[in-house]
Amino acid sequence: MSIPTEGVKTENNDHINLKVAGQGSSAVHFKIKRHTPLSKLMKVCQI
């Protein structure tokens, strides 16, 4: 079984690119470091 890699960049493993979709059609993109806790992102988004 292979892992799908469509649209995945593997040369830079220091950061994670996230897309947070709002209730409407809005979306916010974040680029965070791998060791950053997700709770920090959740505080920013007030989830």
Protein backbone atom coordinates (compact mmCIF):
# COMPACT_ATOMS: atom_id res chain seq x y z
CA MET A 1 0.00 0.00 0.00
CA SER A 2 1.48 3.36 -0.98
CA ILE A 3 1.05 6.67 0.78
CA PRO A 4 -0.62 9.34 -1.39
CA THR A 5 1.79 12.22 -1.94
CA GLU A 6 -0.13 14.40 -4.37
CA GLY A 7 0.56 18.06 -3.64
CA VAL A 8 2.93 17.25 -0.75
CA LYS A 9 6.31 18.92 -0.59
CA THR A 10 8.89 16.84 1.24
CA GLU A 11 12.09 18.88 0.92
CA ASN A 12 11.36 21.14 3.93
CA ASN A 13 10.33 19.23 7.06
CA ASP A 14 10.81 22.17 9.44
CA HIS A 15 7.34 23.67 8.94
CA ILE A 16 3.75 22.53 8.55
CA ASN A 17 1.37 24.44 6.27
CA LEU A 18 -2.18 24.48 7.62
CA LYS A 19 -5.40 25.78 6.16
CA VAL A 20 -8.13 26.60 8.69
CA ALA A 21 -11.58 26.97 7.14
CA GLY A 22 -14.13 29.24 8.76
CA GLN A 23 -17.88 28.81 8.90
CA GLY A 24 -18.33 30.84 5.73
CA SER A 25 -16.20 30.57 2.65
CA SER A 26 -13.20 32.15 4.37
CA ALA A 27 -9.96 30.29 5.02
CA VAL A 28 -6.77 31.29 6.83
CA HIS A 29 -3.37 29.78 6.05
CA PHE A 30 -0.78 29.19 8.78
CA LYS A 31 2.82 28.07 8.55
CA ILE A 32 3.99 26.73 11.89
CA LYS A 33 7.06 24.86 13.05
CA ARG A 34 6.72 21.15 13.75
CA HIS A 35 7.51 21.52 17.45
CA THR A 36 4.88 24.27 18.01
CA PRO A 37 1.99 22.94 20.11
CA LEU A 38 -1.36 22.94 18.32
CA SER A 39 -2.90 24.50 21.42
CA LYS A 40 -1.09 27.73 20.46
CA LEU A 41 -2.82 27.69 17.06
CA MET A 42 -6.16 26.92 18.70
CA LYS A 43 -5.79 29.97 20.98
CA VAL A 44 -5.16 32.19 17.96
CA CYS A 45 -8.21 30.82 16.13
CA GLN A 46 -10.30 30.72 19.33
CA ILE A 47 -11.49 27.18 18.67
